[in-house]
Every structure is written in C-alpha cells, then in structure tokens.
Amino acid sequence: MHEKLTIVRTCLLCASALLSTEGMSSESGQVHYPIGVSTVMNGVLPLPGQTSHYHYVQYYESDRLNDGDGRSSIPDFKAEVYAWAPRIVHTWSEGIGPFYISSGIIAPITQVTVRAFGKEETSAGMADPVISPAHLYYVNSTGTFFAFGGLDIYVPIGKYDKDRIANNGLNYWTFAPTFNFTWLPTARTEVSMTFYSEFNTRNRATNYKSGSVLTVDGDIAYRLFPGNPKIKVALQGFATKQFTDDTSSEVDIVNGNRGQAFGFGPQLSYDLAGGFGGVLVKYQKEFGAENRSEGDRLWFEVSLPF
C-alpha cells in the first residue's frame, strides 16, 4: 500500500493545474504552468503606461491516472480542481529601443480533491504565486503583430503538506522562460501561440526533483459575424512534454517518469472595453496523457484595463 500511495503522490493532478493547482507528496509529472490557459491574444499586454487585470477560472475533472504507456493505472482514481487566479500586469512608459517592459503577478487560489485506493482528501487555499519581473514587449507599426518574452518565477509559499496527496502548492521554485505572440493576418483573423518551459528546483520536503517541461498553447480564431465583430470563435488547444527525467534519492523512478498530454476544443470570446479587454469560455478534452492524469477542462476568463 505504501508503494501504491507513493505512485499516486508522484503522478496525480499532473494535468489539473491552473497556476499551480496541483498537489501531492512527490512531484513527478507536475507543472506549475496552467496548461491550456493561453489561447486568446497570447502576445498582447497592456499599452505603455497602462495596467490590466485578468481573472482565470478553471474546473478540471479526471477519472484516469495514466501510466507511461497511456493506460489507466488506478481503477478508483479521481481528481477534481476548482481554481481562481487573479493577475495584474503593468507596462512601463519608458521603452528600450522598439521594446517596452511589462511586469506582473498572479496569486492563485484553489480547491483540490483527490481519491485513490479508498483514500480521499481535499485541500483549499493559496497556491504558489507567480512573479514576472520584466517581460520585453513588442508591437509592430501596423498593430498586426504582438510579442513578448521573459522569465516567470513561481514562489513556493502555497499551502503544502508532504504527508497529503492533495495540495495547493508544489513546495519548490520554478523558473520559466516564455515567448508569446499574436498575429492578425486580417481584421477578422487571429493566430496566437505561447511557448512555455519550466525548470524546477528540488522539493526539500521530499528530496524529489521534477524534470523540465515544454508546453505549447495556441489558437486560430475568426470573427465569424460581420454584423457583430466583437464575437470570435476559435479552435484552441495545447501540447505538453517533459524532456528531462525526474530524480530522487528516496524512491525508484522508472524511465524518468516523463509526462505528456495534449488537449483540444472550441472557444468563444467577446471583446470588451473597446477591444482592450474581453471575456471567453472554452473547453479542452485531454488525450494522449502519459504519467499523468487525463480529463476535461472548462475555463472562464476575463481581462479588463484599470
């Protein structure tokens, strides 16, 4: 039983995060980044001298914890996550050549429920906050291409207990280089992508170090109704792949326990505040998951300038 619970702690909630929603004792396959969150105007930040606030709400449910071959590995497994992540971003007035500098912070709050081998736990509280000290932000002269990149830092102060299988924080630092762009080839078309990598430190409570991960989010959107151009419909999704092994001096790790998953679904958004804000709903069906949970994600997101 101890070995089975160790497996649960090393794998579950890998796909259930929104800004560090996952939680368990050992961290194989987990990620801080909210996989699938960036699927609309990914490269757009506030204008110079302005500030925007964003709110991300996610419901995630899974009844599959897959092994390295994509097969369900625990018959009675279930994970359920409710997450709310408020975000504030400010773009500074002074630029550096063609670039501006944007800074931001995210403070997620989550409720995580996990069931496995007849054991069920729920944890609610603060997850690990995200600090973005300085993203370089670029907009071309025609306003049809937007891009920014920089480093996100996840601070391990979220609610965590190494003896629980459900946690809100991960208890280790993550340093995450990111690049995001949005291209508007026509007035009615949008193509956006995010490239997000994560490099993790060791969890000192468990002496476990999660491997590095690359995630790609994106969408192709179209303003379908000429009479109401504020409405956009999109196909959106994500792909995430762990490219280095997990390591631990306390547990054996088979084949590095590298995780992966894919997700795809529809999206509907509506422009607000003269196009400088918006609201969207979207659904993502996960598939191809290995060494992580596989389930369904439902999102509601809002962005508005102050």
Protein backbone atom coordinates (compact mmCIF):
# COMPACT_ATOMS: atom_id res chain seq x y z
CA MET A 1 0.00 0.00 0.00
CA HIS A 2 2.82 2.42 0.80
CA GLU A 3 4.30 1.85 -2.67
CA LYS A 4 0.91 2.47 -4.30
CA LEU A 5 0.39 5.70 -2.42
CA THR A 6 3.89 6.78 -3.46
CA ILE A 7 2.89 6.23 -7.10
CA VAL A 8 -0.20 8.35 -6.55
CA ARG A 9 1.84 11.14 -4.99
CA THR A 10 4.30 11.06 -7.89
CA CYS A 11 1.68 11.33 -10.63
CA LEU A 12 -1.75 12.68 -9.75
CA LEU A 13 -3.04 16.13 -10.59
CA CYS A 14 -0.35 16.49 -13.21
CA ALA A 15 -2.86 17.88 -15.68
CA SER A 16 -5.21 19.56 -13.27
CA ALA A 17 -3.36 22.77 -12.58
CA LEU A 18 -4.37 26.33 -13.05
CA LEU A 19 -1.43 28.43 -11.93
CA SER A 20 -0.07 25.78 -9.54
CA THR A 21 -3.23 23.92 -8.62
CA GLU A 22 -1.59 20.53 -8.38
CA GLY A 23 -0.60 18.93 -5.14
CA MET A 24 0.83 15.74 -3.68
CA SER A 25 3.83 14.44 -1.83
CA SER A 26 6.12 13.54 -4.74
CA GLU A 27 6.03 15.62 -7.86
CA SER A 28 6.59 13.53 -10.97
CA GLY A 29 4.83 14.96 -13.99
CA GLN A 30 3.51 18.04 -12.23
CA VAL A 31 3.80 21.50 -13.68
CA HIS A 32 3.32 24.98 -12.30
CA TYR A 33 2.12 26.47 -15.57
CA PRO A 34 -1.67 26.32 -16.11
CA ILE A 35 -1.58 24.18 -19.23
CA GLY A 36 -4.06 25.40 -21.85
CA VAL A 37 -4.70 28.82 -20.31
CA SER A 38 -3.16 30.96 -23.10
CA THR A 39 -5.43 30.61 -26.13
CA VAL A 40 -6.52 34.15 -26.98
CA MET A 41 -4.40 37.19 -27.95
CA ASN A 42 -1.41 35.49 -26.32
CA GLY A 43 1.10 38.16 -27.30
CA VAL A 44 -0.92 41.18 -26.18
CA LEU A 45 -0.13 43.06 -22.94
CA PRO A 46 -1.31 46.48 -21.70
CA LEU A 47 -0.27 49.55 -23.68
CA PRO A 48 2.71 51.57 -22.37
CA GLY A 49 1.80 53.33 -19.14
CA GLN A 50 -1.30 51.20 -18.62
CA THR A 51 -2.33 48.38 -16.28
CA SER A 52 -4.74 45.48 -16.85
CA HIS A 53 -6.25 42.88 -14.58
CA TYR A 54 -7.13 39.35 -15.59
CA HIS A 55 -9.17 36.60 -13.95
CA TYR A 56 -8.81 32.93 -14.86
CA VAL A 57 -11.34 30.40 -13.57
CA GLN A 58 -11.00 26.69 -14.27
CA TYR A 59 -12.82 23.50 -13.41
CA TYR A 60 -10.91 20.28 -14.02
CA GLU A 61 -12.09 16.70 -13.56
CA SER A 62 -10.29 13.42 -14.22
CA ASP A 63 -11.02 9.76 -13.50
CA ARG A 64 -7.85 8.45 -15.18
CA LEU A 65 -4.28 8.39 -13.93
CA ASN A 66 -2.27 7.03 -16.85
CA ASP A 67 1.00 5.13 -16.75
CA GLY A 68 3.92 5.58 -19.15
CA ASP A 69 2.05 3.67 -21.88
CA GLY A 70 -1.09 5.77 -21.60
CA ARG A 71 -3.10 3.08 -19.80
CA SER A 72 -5.29 3.81 -16.80
CA SER A 73 -3.25 2.68 -13.77
CA ILE A 74 -5.60 3.16 -10.78
CA PRO A 75 -9.22 1.89 -11.05
CA ASP A 76 -10.79 4.18 -8.43
CA PHE A 77 -8.79 7.32 -9.14
CA LYS A 78 -10.46 10.73 -9.29
CA ALA A 79 -9.13 14.29 -9.25
CA GLU A 80 -11.21 17.46 -9.14
CA VAL A 81 -9.91 21.03 -9.09
CA TYR A 82 -11.58 24.42 -8.81
CA ALA A 83 -9.21 27.33 -9.41
CA TRP A 84 -9.33 31.11 -9.50
CA ALA A 85 -6.22 33.05 -10.47
CA PRO A 86 -6.30 36.88 -10.47
CA ARG A 87 -3.46 38.54 -12.40
CA ILE A 88 -2.23 42.13 -12.69
CA VAL A 89 0.13 43.35 -15.46
CA HIS A 90 1.62 46.83 -15.91
CA THR A 91 3.56 48.06 -18.95
CA TRP A 92 6.05 50.79 -18.13
CA SER A 93 6.04 54.03 -20.11
CA GLU A 94 9.76 54.12 -20.89
CA GLY A 95 10.92 51.76 -23.61
CA ILE A 96 14.21 50.17 -24.68
CA GLY A 97 14.53 50.64 -28.42
CA PRO A 98 11.47 49.01 -30.04
CA PHE A 99 10.58 47.17 -26.80
CA TYR A 100 8.62 48.05 -23.71
CA ILE A 101 8.87 46.36 -20.31
CA SER A 102 5.89 44.75 -18.61
CA SER A 103 5.74 43.40 -15.06
CA GLY A 104 3.09 41.23 -13.43
CA ILE A 105 1.99 38.99 -10.60
CA ILE A 106 -0.52 36.13 -10.27
CA ALA A 107 -1.96 34.91 -6.96
CA PRO A 108 -3.94 31.65 -7.47
CA ILE A 109 -6.42 30.12 -5.04
CA THR A 110 -7.52 26.52 -5.50
CA GLN A 111 -9.58 23.68 -4.10
CA VAL A 112 -8.12 20.25 -4.87
CA THR A 113 -9.81 16.89 -4.23
CA VAL A 114 -8.06 13.56 -4.84
CA ARG A 115 -9.34 10.00 -4.44
CA ALA A 116 -7.21 6.86 -4.85
CA PHE A 117 -7.10 3.39 -3.22
CA GLY A 118 -10.02 4.27 -0.96
CA LYS A 119 -8.27 7.40 0.33
CA GLU A 120 -9.79 10.82 -0.39
CA GLU A 121 -8.52 14.26 0.57
CA THR A 122 -9.49 17.85 -0.13
CA SER A 123 -7.27 20.90 0.29
CA ALA A 124 -8.32 24.52 -0.25
CA GLY A 125 -6.06 27.54 -0.07
CA MET A 126 -3.42 29.62 -1.75
CA ALA A 127 -1.29 28.05 -4.48
CA ASP A 128 2.21 29.19 -5.45
CA PRO A 129 2.18 32.80 -6.73
CA VAL A 130 3.90 33.80 -9.97
CA ILE A 131 6.14 36.86 -10.38
CA SER A 132 7.00 38.26 -13.83
CA PRO A 133 9.67 40.92 -13.13
CA ALA A 134 10.37 42.11 -16.68
CA HIS A 135 8.88 40.87 -19.94
CA LEU A 136 10.10 42.54 -23.14
CA TYR A 137 7.03 43.59 -25.15
CA TYR A 138 6.94 44.42 -28.87
CA VAL A 139 4.18 45.70 -31.18
CA ASN A 140 4.80 46.34 -34.89
CA SER A 141 3.95 49.65 -36.54
CA THR A 142 0.74 48.35 -38.15
CA GLY A 143 -0.63 46.79 -34.96
CA THR A 144 -0.89 43.35 -36.54
CA PHE A 145 1.89 41.55 -34.64
CA PHE A 146 2.38 41.47 -30.87
CA ALA A 147 5.00 39.53 -28.93
CA PHE A 148 6.57 39.35 -25.50
CA GLY A 149 9.02 37.14 -23.70
CA GLY A 150 10.80 36.86 -20.40
CA LEU A 151 11.04 34.89 -17.18
CA ASP A 152 8.27 33.83 -14.79
CA ILE A 153 9.21 32.80 -11.25
CA TYR A 154 6.98 30.54 -9.12
CA VAL A 155 7.45 31.17 -5.39
CA PRO A 156 6.84 28.07 -3.17
CA ILE A 157 4.66 29.59 -0.45
CA GLY A 158 1.36 27.90 -1.35
CA LYS A 159 -0.42 25.55 1.04
CA TYR A 160 1.54 22.28 1.20
CA ASP A 161 1.97 19.21 3.41
CA LYS A 162 4.27 16.41 2.30
CA ASP A 163 2.08 13.80 4.03
CA ARG A 164 -1.01 14.70 1.98
CA ILE A 165 -1.92 13.57 -1.53
CA ALA A 166 -3.92 16.78 -2.17
CA ASN A 167 -2.02 20.07 -2.00
CA ASN A 168 -2.38 23.56 -3.41
CA GLY A 169 1.32 24.46 -3.73
CA LEU A 170 4.22 22.36 -5.01
CA ASN A 171 6.91 23.36 -2.48
CA TYR A 172 9.66 24.11 -4.98
CA TRP A 173 10.81 27.05 -7.09
CA THR A 174 10.21 27.02 -10.82
CA PHE A 175 12.00 29.30 -13.31
CA ALA A 176 10.03 29.54 -16.54
CA PRO A 177 11.25 31.27 -19.73
CA THR A 178 8.33 32.10 -22.03
CA PHE A 179 7.69 33.52 -25.50
CA ASN A 180 4.23 34.57 -26.73
CA PHE A 181 2.95 36.04 -29.97
CA THR A 182 -0.26 37.11 -31.69
CA TRP A 183 -0.55 37.66 -35.44
CA LEU A 184 -3.57 39.33 -37.03
CA PRO A 185 -3.26 38.49 -40.75
CA THR A 186 -6.68 40.07 -41.45
CA ALA A 187 -9.09 42.22 -39.46
CA ARG A 188 -11.16 39.11 -38.70
CA THR A 189 -8.44 36.51 -38.11
CA GLU A 190 -6.16 35.78 -35.14
CA VAL A 191 -3.29 33.29 -34.75
CA SER A 192 -1.70 33.09 -31.29
CA MET A 193 0.83 30.81 -29.61
CA THR A 194 2.67 30.51 -26.30
CA PHE A 195 5.91 28.57 -25.74
CA TYR A 196 6.46 27.91 -22.05
CA SER A 197 9.33 25.98 -20.48
CA GLU A 198 9.79 25.09 -16.81
CA PHE A 199 12.98 24.35 -14.88
CA ASN A 200 12.40 23.18 -11.33
CA THR A 201 14.40 23.09 -8.11
CA ARG A 202 14.28 20.18 -5.68
CA ASN A 203 11.45 19.80 -3.20
CA ARG A 204 13.37 19.74 0.10
CA ALA A 205 10.48 18.10 1.96
CA THR A 206 10.55 15.01 -0.29
CA ASN A 207 14.02 15.26 -1.89
CA TYR A 208 12.29 14.90 -5.26
CA LYS A 209 13.16 16.96 -8.35
CA SER A 210 10.67 17.17 -11.21
CA GLY A 211 12.03 17.15 -14.75
CA SER A 212 11.88 20.09 -17.15
CA VAL A 213 8.79 20.61 -19.30
CA LEU A 214 7.87 22.42 -22.52
CA THR A 215 4.25 23.44 -23.14
CA VAL A 216 2.75 25.00 -26.26
CA ASP A 217 -0.67 26.70 -26.13
CA GLY A 218 -2.39 28.24 -29.12
CA ASP A 219 -5.49 29.12 -31.07
CA ILE A 220 -6.78 30.01 -34.52
CA ALA A 221 -9.73 32.41 -34.19
CA TYR A 222 -12.11 34.09 -36.58
CA ARG A 223 -14.67 36.90 -36.26
CA LEU A 224 -17.47 34.91 -37.82
CA PHE A 225 -20.22 37.55 -37.81
CA PRO A 226 -19.58 40.74 -39.83
CA GLY A 227 -22.53 42.42 -38.10
CA ASN A 228 -21.02 41.78 -34.66
CA PRO A 229 -17.21 41.72 -35.00
CA LYS A 230 -16.72 41.61 -31.22
CA ILE A 231 -17.53 37.89 -31.26
CA LYS A 232 -14.73 35.43 -32.08
CA VAL A 233 -14.92 31.67 -32.40
CA ALA A 234 -11.76 29.58 -32.21
CA LEU A 235 -10.21 26.18 -32.23
CA GLN A 236 -7.64 26.01 -29.46
CA GLY A 237 -5.51 23.55 -27.56
CA PHE A 238 -2.20 22.62 -26.02
CA ALA A 239 0.65 20.12 -26.05
CA THR A 240 2.94 19.50 -23.09
CA LYS A 241 6.00 17.26 -22.95
CA GLN A 242 8.53 16.60 -20.20
CA PHE A 243 12.03 16.44 -21.73
CA THR A 244 14.25 15.56 -18.74
CA ASP A 245 13.87 12.84 -16.10
CA ASP A 246 12.57 13.20 -12.59
CA THR A 247 15.20 12.43 -9.97
CA SER A 248 15.05 11.31 -6.34
CA SER A 249 17.38 9.75 -3.80
CA GLU A 250 14.47 8.19 -1.89
CA VAL A 251 12.26 6.44 -4.49
CA ASP A 252 12.98 4.44 -7.63
CA ILE A 253 11.84 6.22 -10.80
CA VAL A 254 11.07 4.05 -13.82
CA ASN A 255 12.20 5.54 -17.16
CA GLY A 256 12.36 9.03 -15.68
CA ASN A 257 8.55 9.18 -15.27
CA ARG A 258 8.30 11.70 -18.08
CA GLY A 259 4.81 13.12 -18.55
CA GLN A 260 2.99 14.31 -21.63
CA ALA A 261 -0.53 15.34 -22.63
CA PHE A 262 -2.50 17.00 -25.39
CA GLY A 263 -5.77 18.93 -25.36
CA PHE A 264 -8.15 20.38 -27.92
CA GLY A 265 -11.52 22.11 -28.01
CA PRO A 266 -13.78 25.04 -29.01
CA GLN A 267 -13.64 28.60 -27.71
CA LEU A 268 -15.98 31.60 -27.78
CA SER A 269 -14.84 35.13 -26.86
CA TYR A 270 -16.31 38.63 -26.82
CA ASP A 271 -14.39 41.93 -26.89
CA LEU A 272 -14.86 44.42 -24.06
CA ALA A 273 -13.60 47.94 -23.28
CA GLY A 274 -13.08 48.95 -26.90
CA GLY A 275 -11.08 45.83 -27.69
CA PHE A 276 -8.64 46.30 -24.78
CA GLY A 277 -10.40 43.62 -22.75
CA GLY A 278 -12.52 40.56 -23.26
CA VAL A 279 -14.36 37.57 -21.86
CA LEU A 280 -14.20 33.95 -23.04
CA VAL A 281 -15.36 30.44 -22.34
CA LYS A 282 -13.63 27.32 -23.63
CA TYR A 283 -13.48 23.56 -23.25
CA GLN A 284 -10.49 21.23 -23.61
CA LYS A 285 -10.61 17.45 -23.91
CA GLU A 286 -7.31 15.83 -22.92
CA PHE A 287 -5.84 12.85 -24.75
CA GLY A 288 -2.53 11.04 -25.16
CA ALA A 289 -1.62 11.52 -21.50
CA GLU A 290 1.31 9.56 -20.07
CA ASN A 291 2.47 9.51 -16.44
CA ARG A 292 -0.24 11.99 -15.50
CA SER A 293 -3.98 12.41 -15.16
CA GLU A 294 -6.24 12.72 -18.22
CA GLY A 295 -9.54 14.56 -18.06
CA ASP A 296 -11.62 17.57 -19.08
CA ARG A 297 -11.05 21.30 -18.54
CA LEU A 298 -13.66 24.06 -18.57
CA TRP A 299 -12.43 27.68 -18.48
CA PHE A 300 -13.88 31.15 -17.96
CA GLU A 301 -11.51 34.11 -18.44
CA VAL A 302 -11.88 37.89 -18.22
CA SER A 303 -9.43 40.71 -18.96
CA LEU A 304 -10.02 44.44 -18.42
CA PRO A 305 -7.90 47.59 -18.20
CA PHE A 306 -7.89 49.55 -14.96
